[in-house]
Amino acid sequence: MANLQWKEKLKKVMETTESGKYVPDKAKSVGIFFFYLFFAITIIVLLFFVIGMFQQNHYVVASFLAIISIGCLLFLWKVIHADSLENKN
């Protein structure tokens, strides 16, 4: 009997997470703000590492880090300019 109750609770949680209609808009905006902030800080830190590596004449590592930071920047640009992040089934 308890197993059936757990299955029903799990089903409700799965429906909530899949549809997202029960998540308040304020929580979504706070989450996306921290997502943008994380990527912005990551890009800035990587660019500081790139500058430091170039100053220390480590050109291969600096180039590799520059490619990673450009990739993060392009990813963030695509996410910001996406038509919708909603899952439409």
PDB file of N, CA and C in Angstrom:
ATOM      1  N   MET A   1       0.822  -1.191   0.000  1.00  0.00           N
ATOM      2  CA  MET A   1       0.000   0.000   0.000  1.00  0.00           C
ATOM      3  C   MET A   1       0.876   1.269   0.000  1.00  0.00           C
ATOM      4  N   ALA A   2       1.942   1.242   0.789  1.00  0.00           N
ATOM      5  CA  ALA A   2       2.823   2.407   0.861  1.00  0.00           C
ATOM      6  C   ALA A   2       3.543   2.614  -0.462  1.00  0.00           C
ATOM      7  N   ASN A   3       3.813   1.515  -1.162  1.00  0.00           N
ATOM      8  CA  ASN A   3       4.492   1.601  -2.442  1.00  0.00           C
ATOM      9  C   ASN A   3       3.634   2.359  -3.456  1.00  0.00           C
ATOM     10  N   LEU A   4       2.330   2.139  -3.429  1.00  0.00           N
ATOM     11  CA  LEU A   4       1.418   2.836  -4.326  1.00  0.00           C
ATOM     12  C   LEU A   4       1.377   4.337  -4.019  1.00  0.00           C
ATOM     13  N   GLN A   5       1.429   4.693  -2.739  1.00  0.00           N
ATOM     14  CA  GLN A   5       1.444   6.109  -2.362  1.00  0.00           C
ATOM     15  C   GLN A   5       2.723   6.793  -2.864  1.00  0.00           C
ATOM     16  N   TRP A   6       3.846   6.113  -2.744  1.00  0.00           N
ATOM     17  CA  TRP A   6       5.109   6.670  -3.222  1.00  0.00           C
ATOM     18  C   TRP A   6       5.080   6.837  -4.738  1.00  0.00           C
ATOM     19  N   LYS A   7       4.469   5.892  -5.428  1.00  0.00           N
ATOM     20  CA  LYS A   7       4.371   6.000  -6.884  1.00  0.00           C
ATOM     21  C   LYS A   7       3.520   7.199  -7.291  1.00  0.00           C
ATOM     22  N   GLU A   8       2.429   7.447  -6.571  1.00  0.00           N
ATOM     23  CA  GLU A   8       1.576   8.592  -6.873  1.00  0.00           C
ATOM     24  C   GLU A   8       2.302   9.909  -6.604  1.00  0.00           C
ATOM     25  N   LYS A   9       3.046   9.972  -5.507  1.00  0.00           N
ATOM     26  CA  LYS A   9       3.815  11.184  -5.196  1.00  0.00           C
ATOM     27  C   LYS A   9       4.900  11.410  -6.248  1.00  0.00           C
ATOM     28  N   LEU A  10       5.561  10.333  -6.634  1.00  0.00           N
ATOM     29  CA  LEU A  10       6.600  10.441  -7.653  1.00  0.00           C
ATOM     30  C   LEU A  10       6.000  10.895  -8.987  1.00  0.00           C
ATOM     31  N   LYS A  11       4.825  10.395  -9.314  1.00  0.00           N
ATOM     32  CA  LYS A  11       4.151  10.785 -10.551  1.00  0.00           C
ATOM     33  C   LYS A  11       3.814  12.281 -10.538  1.00  0.00           C
ATOM     34  N   LYS A  12       3.348  12.794  -9.402  1.00  0.00           N
ATOM     35  CA  LYS A  12       3.032  14.226  -9.296  1.00  0.00           C
ATOM     36  C   LYS A  12       4.283  15.079  -9.450  1.00  0.00           C
ATOM     37  N   VAL A  13       5.371  14.637  -8.832  1.00  0.00           N
ATOM     38  CA  VAL A  13       6.632  15.386  -8.939  1.00  0.00           C
ATOM     39  C   VAL A  13       7.133  15.366 -10.376  1.00  0.00           C
ATOM     40  N   MET A  14       7.036  14.227 -11.038  1.00  0.00           N
ATOM     41  CA  MET A  14       7.484  14.118 -12.432  1.00  0.00           C
ATOM     42  C   MET A  14       6.650  15.028 -13.331  1.00  0.00           C
ATOM     43  N   GLU A  15       5.345  15.067 -13.140  1.00  0.00           N
ATOM     44  CA  GLU A  15       4.491  15.929 -13.946  1.00  0.00           C
ATOM     45  C   GLU A  15       4.819  17.400 -13.718  1.00  0.00           C
ATOM     46  N   THR A  16       5.091  17.752 -12.481  1.00  0.00           N
ATOM     47  CA  THR A  16       5.420  19.135 -12.148  1.00  0.00           C
ATOM     48  C   THR A  16       6.724  19.549 -12.815  1.00  0.00           C
ATOM     49  N   THR A  17       7.739  18.704 -12.744  1.00  0.00           N
ATOM     50  CA  THR A  17       9.030  19.067 -13.317  1.00  0.00           C
ATOM     51  C   THR A  17       9.001  19.053 -14.837  1.00  0.00           C
ATOM     52  N   GLU A  18       8.193  18.185 -15.423  1.00  0.00           N
ATOM     53  CA  GLU A  18       8.142  18.124 -16.883  1.00  0.00           C
ATOM     54  C   GLU A  18       7.360  19.289 -17.467  1.00  0.00           C
ATOM     55  N   SER A  19       6.253  19.652 -16.855  1.00  0.00           N
ATOM     56  CA  SER A  19       5.429  20.708 -17.435  1.00  0.00           C
ATOM     57  C   SER A  19       5.937  22.092 -17.049  1.00  0.00           C
ATOM     58  N   GLY A  20       6.390  22.271 -15.834  1.00  0.00           N
ATOM     59  CA  GLY A  20       6.902  23.558 -15.388  1.00  0.00           C
ATOM     60  C   GLY A  20       5.825  24.591 -15.133  1.00  0.00           C
ATOM     61  N   LYS A  21       4.564  24.203 -15.223  1.00  0.00           N
ATOM     62  CA  LYS A  21       3.506  25.194 -15.037  1.00  0.00           C
ATOM     63  C   LYS A  21       3.291  25.561 -13.579  1.00  0.00           C
ATOM     64  N   TYR A  22       3.827  24.755 -12.669  1.00  0.00           N
ATOM     65  CA  TYR A  22       3.667  25.041 -11.249  1.00  0.00           C
ATOM     66  C   TYR A  22       4.814  25.875 -10.690  1.00  0.00           C
ATOM     67  N   VAL A  23       5.799  26.142 -11.518  1.00  0.00           N
ATOM     68  CA  VAL A  23       6.954  26.929 -11.076  1.00  0.00           C
ATOM     69  C   VAL A  23       6.621  28.408 -11.272  1.00  0.00           C
ATOM     70  N   PRO A  24       6.715  29.214 -10.212  1.00  0.00           N
ATOM     71  CA  PRO A  24       6.392  30.640 -10.339  1.00  0.00           C
ATOM     72  C   PRO A  24       7.358  31.361 -11.282  1.00  0.00           C
ATOM     73  N   ASP A  25       6.866  32.414 -11.919  1.00  0.00           N
ATOM     74  CA  ASP A  25       7.699  33.171 -12.852  1.00  0.00           C
ATOM     75  C   ASP A  25       8.874  33.844 -12.155  1.00  0.00           C
ATOM     76  N   LYS A  26       8.667  34.260 -10.901  1.00  0.00           N
ATOM     77  CA  LYS A  26       9.768  34.896 -10.170  1.00  0.00           C
ATOM     78  C   LYS A  26      10.911  33.907  -9.943  1.00  0.00           C
ATOM     79  N   ALA A  27      10.571  32.653  -9.648  1.00  0.00           N
ATOM     80  CA  ALA A  27      11.606  31.641  -9.454  1.00  0.00           C
ATOM     81  C   ALA A  27      12.346  31.373 -10.758  1.00  0.00           C
ATOM     82  N   LYS A  28      11.625  31.374 -11.864  1.00  0.00           N
ATOM     83  CA  LYS A  28      12.271  31.178 -13.163  1.00  0.00           C
ATOM     84  C   LYS A  28      13.221  32.325 -13.469  1.00  0.00           C
ATOM     85  N   SER A  29      12.789  33.548 -13.207  1.00  0.00           N
ATOM     86  CA  SER A  29      13.648  34.693 -13.509  1.00  0.00           C
ATOM     87  C   SER A  29      14.872  34.737 -12.604  1.00  0.00           C
ATOM     88  N   VAL A  30      14.718  34.351 -11.349  1.00  0.00           N
ATOM     89  CA  VAL A  30      15.877  34.295 -10.442  1.00  0.00           C
ATOM     90  C   VAL A  30      16.848  33.218 -10.914  1.00  0.00           C
ATOM     91  N   GLY A  31      16.325  32.078 -11.326  1.00  0.00           N
ATOM     92  CA  GLY A  31      17.176  30.995 -11.814  1.00  0.00           C
ATOM     93  C   GLY A  31      17.943  31.381 -13.059  1.00  0.00           C
ATOM     94  N   ILE A  32      17.271  32.030 -14.000  1.00  0.00           N
ATOM     95  CA  ILE A  32      17.948  32.428 -15.237  1.00  0.00           C
ATOM     96  C   ILE A  32      18.951  33.541 -14.965  1.00  0.00           C
ATOM     97  N   PHE A  33      18.662  34.408 -13.983  1.00  0.00           N
ATOM     98  CA  PHE A  33      19.626  35.446 -13.597  1.00  0.00           C
ATOM     99  C   PHE A  33      20.907  34.815 -13.082  1.00  0.00           C
ATOM    100  N   PHE A  34      20.809  33.806 -12.205  1.00  0.00           N
ATOM    101  CA  PHE A  34      22.012  33.152 -11.676  1.00  0.00           C
ATOM    102  C   PHE A  34      22.736  32.356 -12.760  1.00  0.00           C
ATOM    103  N   PHE A  35      21.987  31.816 -13.717  1.00  0.00           N
ATOM    104  CA  PHE A  35      22.608  31.134 -14.846  1.00  0.00           C
ATOM    105  C   PHE A  35      23.450  32.113 -15.658  1.00  0.00           C
ATOM    106  N   TYR A  36      22.880  33.284 -15.983  1.00  0.00           N
ATOM    107  CA  TYR A  36      23.617  34.306 -16.720  1.00  0.00           C
ATOM    108  C   TYR A  36      24.810  34.805 -15.918  1.00  0.00           C
ATOM    109  N   LEU A  37      24.615  35.013 -14.623  1.00  0.00           N
ATOM    110  CA  LEU A  37      25.698  35.497 -13.764  1.00  0.00           C
ATOM    111  C   LEU A  37      26.844  34.495 -13.710  1.00  0.00           C
ATOM    112  N   PHE A  38      26.527  33.204 -13.595  1.00  0.00           N
ATOM    113  CA  PHE A  38      27.554  32.167 -13.562  1.00  0.00           C
ATOM    114  C   PHE A  38      28.375  32.180 -14.842  1.00  0.00           C
ATOM    115  N   PHE A  39      27.695  32.237 -15.994  1.00  0.00           N
ATOM    116  CA  PHE A  39      28.437  32.232 -17.250  1.00  0.00           C
ATOM    117  C   PHE A  39      29.225  33.522 -17.435  1.00  0.00           C
ATOM    118  N   ALA A  40      28.702  34.656 -17.014  1.00  0.00           N
ATOM    119  CA  ALA A  40      29.433  35.909 -17.132  1.00  0.00           C
ATOM    120  C   ALA A  40      30.705  35.876 -16.282  1.00  0.00           C
ATOM    121  N   ILE A  41      30.598  35.395 -15.063  1.00  0.00           N
ATOM    122  CA  ILE A  41      31.774  35.296 -14.193  1.00  0.00           C
ATOM    123  C   ILE A  41      32.776  34.301 -14.768  1.00  0.00           C
ATOM    124  N   THR A  42      32.286  33.185 -15.303  1.00  0.00           N
ATOM    125  CA  THR A  42      33.174  32.193 -15.910  1.00  0.00           C
ATOM    126  C   THR A  42      33.938  32.788 -17.081  1.00  0.00           C
ATOM    127  N   ILE A  43      33.260  33.532 -17.925  1.00  0.00           N
ATOM    128  CA  ILE A  43      33.911  34.143 -19.084  1.00  0.00           C
ATOM    129  C   ILE A  43      34.944  35.176 -18.638  1.00  0.00           C
ATOM    130  N   ILE A  44      34.613  35.982 -17.658  1.00  0.00           N
ATOM    131  CA  ILE A  44      35.556  36.995 -17.166  1.00  0.00           C
ATOM    132  C   ILE A  44      36.796  36.347 -16.557  1.00  0.00           C
ATOM    133  N   VAL A  45      36.594  35.302 -15.753  1.00  0.00           N
ATOM    134  CA  VAL A  45      37.742  34.607 -15.143  1.00  0.00           C
ATOM    135  C   VAL A  45      38.620  33.974 -16.217  1.00  0.00           C
ATOM    136  N   LEU A  46      37.993  33.345 -17.213  1.00  0.00           N
ATOM    137  CA  LEU A  46      38.779  32.744 -18.292  1.00  0.00           C
ATOM    138  C   LEU A  46      39.562  33.795 -19.067  1.00  0.00           C
ATOM    139  N   LEU A  47      38.963  34.952 -19.292  1.00  0.00           N
ATOM    140  CA  LEU A  47      39.690  36.010 -20.004  1.00  0.00           C
ATOM    141  C   LEU A  47      40.867  36.542 -19.192  1.00  0.00           C
ATOM    142  N   PHE A  48      40.712  36.625 -17.866  1.00  0.00           N
ATOM    143  CA  PHE A  48      41.854  37.007 -17.026  1.00  0.00           C
ATOM    144  C   PHE A  48      42.965  35.962 -17.111  1.00  0.00           C
ATOM    145  N   PHE A  49      42.584  34.678 -17.142  1.00  0.00           N
ATOM    146  CA  PHE A  49      43.588  33.626 -17.305  1.00  0.00           C
ATOM    147  C   PHE A  49      44.274  33.727 -18.666  1.00  0.00           C
ATOM    148  N   VAL A  50      43.516  34.051 -19.697  1.00  0.00           N
ATOM    149  CA  VAL A  50      44.099  34.210 -21.038  1.00  0.00           C
ATOM    150  C   VAL A  50      45.140  35.318 -21.028  1.00  0.00           C
ATOM    151  N   ILE A  51      44.792  36.456 -20.443  1.00  0.00           N
ATOM    152  CA  ILE A  51      45.733  37.576 -20.376  1.00  0.00           C
ATOM    153  C   ILE A  51      46.982  37.185 -19.592  1.00  0.00           C
ATOM    154  N   GLY A  52      46.780  36.506 -18.464  1.00  0.00           N
ATOM    155  CA  GLY A  52      47.926  36.085 -17.650  1.00  0.00           C
ATOM    156  C   GLY A  52      48.808  35.078 -18.357  1.00  0.00           C
ATOM    157  N   MET A  53      48.216  34.157 -19.080  1.00  0.00           N
ATOM    158  CA  MET A  53      49.010  33.166 -19.805  1.00  0.00           C
ATOM    159  C   MET A  53      49.794  33.797 -20.944  1.00  0.00           C
ATOM    160  N   PHE A  54      49.183  34.767 -21.629  1.00  0.00           N
ATOM    161  CA  PHE A  54      49.924  35.475 -22.680  1.00  0.00           C
ATOM    162  C   PHE A  54      51.091  36.252 -22.089  1.00  0.00           C
ATOM    163  N   GLN A  55      50.909  36.847 -20.917  1.00  0.00           N
ATOM    164  CA  GLN A  55      51.997  37.594 -20.281  1.00  0.00           C
ATOM    165  C   GLN A  55      53.129  36.682 -19.844  1.00  0.00           C
ATOM    166  N   GLN A  56      52.803  35.434 -19.512  1.00  0.00           N
ATOM    167  CA  GLN A  56      53.830  34.479 -19.085  1.00  0.00           C
ATOM    168  C   GLN A  56      54.375  33.653 -20.253  1.00  0.00           C
ATOM    169  N   ASN A  57      54.018  34.020 -21.477  1.00  0.00           N
ATOM    170  CA  ASN A  57      54.476  33.358 -22.701  1.00  0.00           C
ATOM    171  C   ASN A  57      54.024  31.904 -22.825  1.00  0.00           C
ATOM    172  N   HIS A  58      52.851  31.596 -22.284  1.00  0.00           N
ATOM    173  CA  HIS A  58      52.239  30.273 -22.445  1.00  0.00           C
ATOM    174  C   HIS A  58      51.145  30.405 -23.501  1.00  0.00           C
ATOM    175  N   TYR A  59      51.563  30.442 -24.748  1.00  0.00           N
ATOM    176  CA  TYR A  59      50.638  30.772 -25.827  1.00  0.00           C
ATOM    177  C   TYR A  59      49.648  29.648 -26.134  1.00  0.00           C
ATOM    178  N   VAL A  60      50.078  28.410 -25.995  1.00  0.00           N
ATOM    179  CA  VAL A  60      49.182  27.284 -26.297  1.00  0.00           C
ATOM    180  C   VAL A  60      48.037  27.238 -25.287  1.00  0.00           C
ATOM    181  N   VAL A  61      48.362  27.358 -24.023  1.00  0.00           N
ATOM    182  CA  VAL A  61      47.325  27.338 -22.981  1.00  0.00           C
ATOM    183  C   VAL A  61      46.414  28.556 -23.120  1.00  0.00           C
ATOM    184  N   ALA A  62      47.009  29.701 -23.407  1.00  0.00           N
ATOM    185  CA  ALA A  62      46.214  30.921 -23.582  1.00  0.00           C
ATOM    186  C   ALA A  62      45.261  30.782 -24.762  1.00  0.00           C
ATOM    187  N   SER A  63      45.725  30.184 -25.842  1.00  0.00           N
ATOM    188  CA  SER A  63      44.851  29.972 -27.002  1.00  0.00           C
ATOM    189  C   SER A  63      43.722  29.006 -26.669  1.00  0.00           C
ATOM    190  N   PHE A  64      44.050  27.942 -25.948  1.00  0.00           N
ATOM    191  CA  PHE A  64      43.036  26.971 -25.553  1.00  0.00           C
ATOM    192  C   PHE A  64      41.987  27.624 -24.654  1.00  0.00           C
ATOM    193  N   LEU A  65      42.412  28.409 -23.683  1.00  0.00           N
ATOM    194  CA  LEU A  65      41.472  29.096 -22.799  1.00  0.00           C
ATOM    195  C   LEU A  65      40.655  30.149 -23.549  1.00  0.00           C
ATOM    196  N   ALA A  66      41.258  30.784 -24.530  1.00  0.00           N
ATOM    197  CA  ALA A  66      40.521  31.766 -25.331  1.00  0.00           C
ATOM    198  C   ALA A  66      39.422  31.072 -26.132  1.00  0.00           C
ATOM    199  N   ILE A  67      39.714  29.897 -26.671  1.00  0.00           N
ATOM    200  CA  ILE A  67      38.701  29.139 -27.411  1.00  0.00           C
ATOM    201  C   ILE A  67      37.559  28.725 -26.489  1.00  0.00           C
ATOM    202  N   ILE A  68      37.885  28.299 -25.282  1.00  0.00           N
ATOM    203  CA  ILE A  68      36.845  27.909 -24.319  1.00  0.00           C
ATOM    204  C   ILE A  68      35.990  29.123 -23.942  1.00  0.00           C
ATOM    205  N   SER A  69      36.626  30.265 -23.691  1.00  0.00           N
ATOM    206  CA  SER A  69      35.851  31.454 -23.297  1.00  0.00           C
ATOM    207  C   SER A  69      34.986  31.958 -24.455  1.00  0.00           C
ATOM    208  N   ILE A  70      35.472  31.874 -25.678  1.00  0.00           N
ATOM    209  CA  ILE A  70      34.658  32.260 -26.837  1.00  0.00           C
ATOM    210  C   ILE A  70      33.485  31.297 -26.993  1.00  0.00           C
ATOM    211  N   GLY A  71      33.742  30.005 -26.747  1.00  0.00           N
ATOM    212  CA  GLY A  71      32.655  29.028 -26.796  1.00  0.00           C
ATOM    213  C   GLY A  71      31.588  29.305 -25.753  1.00  0.00           C
ATOM    214  N   CYS A  72      32.001  29.655 -24.545  1.00  0.00           N
ATOM    215  CA  CYS A  72      31.040  30.020 -23.491  1.00  0.00           C
ATOM    216  C   CYS A  72      30.266  31.277 -23.869  1.00  0.00           C
ATOM    217  N   LEU A  73      30.959  32.235 -24.464  1.00  0.00           N
ATOM    218  CA  LEU A  73      30.298  33.472 -24.881  1.00  0.00           C
ATOM    219  C   LEU A  73      29.268  33.202 -25.976  1.00  0.00           C
ATOM    220  N   LEU A  74      29.615  32.360 -26.941  1.00  0.00           N
ATOM    221  CA  LEU A  74      28.664  32.020 -28.003  1.00  0.00           C
ATOM    222  C   LEU A  74      27.465  31.248 -27.449  1.00  0.00           C
ATOM    223  N   PHE A  75      27.723  30.336 -26.511  1.00  0.00           N
ATOM    224  CA  PHE A  75      26.632  29.594 -25.885  1.00  0.00           C
ATOM    225  C   PHE A  75      25.687  30.537 -25.151  1.00  0.00           C
ATOM    226  N   LEU A  76      26.257  31.461 -24.387  1.00  0.00           N
ATOM    227  CA  LEU A  76      25.439  32.431 -23.657  1.00  0.00           C
ATOM    228  C   LEU A  76      24.664  33.322 -24.626  1.00  0.00           C
ATOM    229  N   TRP A  77      25.282  33.716 -25.723  1.00  0.00           N
ATOM    230  CA  TRP A  77      24.614  34.540 -26.733  1.00  0.00           C
ATOM    231  C   TRP A  77      23.425  33.786 -27.334  1.00  0.00           C
ATOM    232  N   LYS A  78      23.618  32.500 -27.639  1.00  0.00           N
ATOM    233  CA  LYS A  78      22.532  31.700 -28.206  1.00  0.00           C
ATOM    234  C   LYS A  78      21.388  31.532 -27.211  1.00  0.00           C
ATOM    235  N   VAL A  79      21.694  31.352 -25.951  1.00  0.00           N
ATOM    236  CA  VAL A  79      20.655  31.187 -24.933  1.00  0.00           C
ATOM    237  C   VAL A  79      19.885  32.491 -24.751  1.00  0.00           C
ATOM    238  N   ILE A  80      20.585  33.617 -24.730  1.00  0.00           N
ATOM    239  CA  ILE A  80      19.916  34.900 -24.542  1.00  0.00           C
ATOM    240  C   ILE A  80      18.990  35.200 -25.725  1.00  0.00           C
ATOM    241  N   HIS A  81      19.431  34.889 -26.927  1.00  0.00           N
ATOM    242  CA  HIS A  81      18.642  35.221 -28.112  1.00  0.00           C
ATOM    243  C   HIS A  81      17.770  34.071 -28.598  1.00  0.00           C
ATOM    244  N   ALA A  82      17.559  33.062 -27.785  1.00  0.00           N
ATOM    245  CA  ALA A  82      16.673  31.957 -28.171  1.00  0.00           C
ATOM    246  C   ALA A  82      15.231  32.453 -28.202  1.00  0.00           C
ATOM    247  N   ASP A  83      14.452  31.906 -29.117  1.00  0.00           N
ATOM    248  CA  ASP A  83      13.047  32.303 -29.216  1.00  0.00           C
ATOM    249  C   ASP A  83      12.293  31.958 -27.936  1.00  0.00           C
ATOM    250  N   SER A  84      12.487  30.748 -27.462  1.00  0.00           N
ATOM    251  CA  SER A  84      11.796  30.324 -26.254  1.00  0.00           C
ATOM    252  C   SER A  84      12.569  29.189 -25.622  1.00  0.00           C
ATOM    253  N   LEU A  85      12.622  29.191 -24.318  1.00  0.00           N
ATOM    254  CA  LEU A  85      13.247  28.092 -23.598  1.00  0.00           C
ATOM    255  C   LEU A  85      12.217  27.094 -23.106  1.00  0.00           C
ATOM    256  N   GLU A  86      10.959  27.316 -23.447  1.00  0.00           N
ATOM    257  CA  GLU A  86       9.876  26.444 -23.028  1.00  0.00           C
ATOM    258  C   GLU A  86       9.948  25.116 -23.788  1.00  0.00           C
ATOM    259  N   ASN A  87       9.558  24.054 -23.142  1.00  0.00           N
ATOM    260  CA  ASN A  87       9.502  22.741 -23.771  1.00  0.00           C
ATOM    261  C   ASN A  87       8.111  22.556 -24.351  1.00  0.00           C
ATOM    262  N   LYS A  88       8.011  22.594 -25.669  1.00  0.00           N
ATOM    263  CA  LYS A  88       6.705  22.481 -26.317  1.00  0.00           C
ATOM    264  C   LYS A  88       6.540  21.089 -26.885  1.00  0.00           C
ATOM    265  N   ASN A  89       5.620  20.328 -26.321  1.00  0.00           N
ATOM    266  CA  ASN A  89       5.350  18.969 -26.810  1.00  0.00           C
ATOM    267  C   ASN A  89       4.047  18.932 -27.545  1.00  0.00           C
TER     268      ASN A  89
END
